[in-house]
Amino acid sequence: MLGLSTSSSPGTKPMRSIINAGRKLWLKFRRSDNIGRERLSNGNFATGDFSGWSVANTGNTVEVVDNQLHIVFDPAIDGDATGVNKSILTVGSIYKITLDVATLTGGPFKIQAGGAQQNISSTGVQTYYIEATSNTFFYVYRVSLAFEAYINSVSVKEVSQFELDASSESNDAKLFTGK
């Protein structure tokens, strides 16, 4: 049983105010992630090839150069599949996807995870949270505009026990179920 002293000892006043304010305690955090293991093998292209990936290429350039994924897409050559993919997702799960884009000319290009898409239009390390909604594939892929990109690495990790904050507080938080 938790008991609070009626004295004014240090530390009891803040605790009493929490308990007396409707017995609610809201933690003001932006995001707390329980990140699973890496889902991609060779996401940094360290093998110098496409080990662990499937290549979709119909006339454009998809290659590994100096341990970077290099994609050149020109819709005048072929407007179809250009990129790499891997069947690694579970429909209904949420994934933390991190890309390190070294260079990008033109574009954008996109990542697609389980049916959900995100256009990539800048360089640097970028992180997205995407829910796989309709299939198990992760793609780094062309959109429709010509582009050339060098990508240092791609990481896909499942975020487990991710729940939206259903409280009336407007703290923009994501909470874990604790299961």
Foldseek 3Di string as FASTA:
>chain_A
DDDADPDPPPPRVVVVVCCVPVVDDDDQDQEDFDWADWQADLQQQVVQFQVRKDFDDDQWDFGRDPSWTKGWDDVVRPQDWGWIKHQRADAFFKKKKKWAWPDKDKDWWWKAALHDIDTDDDHGIDIDIDGNHHGRMIIGTGDGITMITITRGMTIITTPQWACDPDPDPSNYIDGPPD
